[in-house]
Protein backbone atom coordinates (compact mmCIF):
# COMPACT_ATOMS: atom_id res chain seq x y z
CA UNK A 1 -12.19 -6.43 5.83
CA UNK A 2 -9.56 -4.74 4.21
CA UNK A 3 -9.39 -3.71 1.08
CA UNK A 4 -7.06 -5.28 -1.24
CA UNK A 5 -4.97 -3.59 -4.03
CA UNK A 6 -3.26 -5.31 -6.69
CA UNK A 7 -0.33 -3.64 -7.86
CA UNK A 8 1.97 -5.94 -8.99
CA UNK A 9 4.33 -5.68 -12.80
CA UNK A 10 2.77 -1.07 -12.63
CA UNK A 11 5.63 0.76 -11.95
CA UNK A 12 6.07 3.94 -10.00
CA UNK A 13 4.37 6.27 -9.22
CA UNK A 14 1.44 3.72 -10.88
CA UNK A 15 1.40 1.60 -7.52
CA UNK A 16 1.72 5.23 -4.58
CA UNK A 17 -1.22 6.59 -6.56
CA UNK A 18 -3.33 3.22 -6.70
CA UNK A 19 -3.14 3.70 -3.21
CA UNK A 20 -3.61 6.79 -2.21
CA UNK A 21 -7.12 7.22 -4.47
CA UNK A 22 -8.26 3.87 -2.21
CA UNK A 23 -6.66 6.20 1.61
CA UNK A 24 -9.24 9.03 0.10
CA UNK A 25 -12.00 6.70 -0.68
CA UNK A 26 -12.55 5.41 2.91
CA UNK A 27 -10.74 7.04 5.20
CA UNK A 28 -9.62 4.68 7.40
CA UNK A 29 -9.75 0.55 8.02
CA UNK A 30 -7.05 -0.80 6.81
CA UNK A 31 -5.57 -1.63 3.85
CA UNK A 32 -3.22 -4.30 1.74
CA UNK A 33 -0.95 -3.24 -1.37
CA UNK A 34 0.94 -5.89 -3.29
CA UNK A 35 3.62 -4.64 -5.03
CA UNK A 36 6.55 -6.52 -6.37
CA UNK A 37 9.98 -4.06 -6.26
CA UNK A 38 11.11 -2.09 -3.50
CA UNK A 39 10.76 1.18 -4.68
CA UNK A 40 7.52 0.26 -4.64
CA UNK A 41 7.55 -0.58 -0.92
CA UNK A 42 8.70 2.36 -0.13
CA UNK A 43 7.03 4.67 -1.75
CA UNK A 44 3.73 2.68 -0.65
CA UNK A 45 5.31 3.14 2.57
CA UNK A 46 5.65 6.27 2.50
CA UNK A 47 2.70 7.83 1.46
CA UNK A 48 1.03 5.86 3.88
CA UNK A 49 2.56 7.38 7.06
CA UNK A 50 2.31 11.65 5.73
CA UNK A 51 -1.96 11.08 5.01
CA UNK A 52 -2.13 9.01 8.49
CA UNK A 53 -2.04 5.69 7.92
CA UNK A 54 0.06 3.08 9.71
CA UNK A 55 1.96 0.47 7.84
CA UNK A 56 0.77 -2.65 10.03
CA UNK A 57 2.80 -5.13 7.75
CA UNK A 58 4.89 -5.92 5.69
CA UNK A 59 5.82 -8.89 4.24
CA UNK A 60 7.78 -10.48 1.73
CA UNK A 61 5.67 -12.67 -0.35
CA UNK A 62 6.65 -14.89 -3.39
CA UNK A 63 7.91 -12.25 -6.09
CA UNK A 64 6.87 -9.44 -3.88
CA UNK A 65 6.07 -7.57 -1.16
CA UNK A 66 2.74 -7.93 1.51
CA UNK A 67 1.65 -4.03 2.90
CA UNK A 68 -0.88 -3.71 5.35
CA UNK A 69 -1.70 0.03 6.62
CA UNK A 70 -4.39 0.51 8.70
CA UNK A 71 -6.08 4.32 10.25
CA UNK A 72 -8.42 4.63 12.22
């Protein structure tokens, strides 16, 4: 079961901080992050990869994006 983080409506760095908090908590598995700006999409993707996570998919969803990251 994926953990879902809804960071829509939040401006950076909030989406990145929420994603990093979850990354530190679970250490491996799959996390879905919902964001609504290109900047948040890019920043969350970059933060995840610097932590050793893979960005499995980025899907346009309504007004924003659904990022799926995984590790392990």
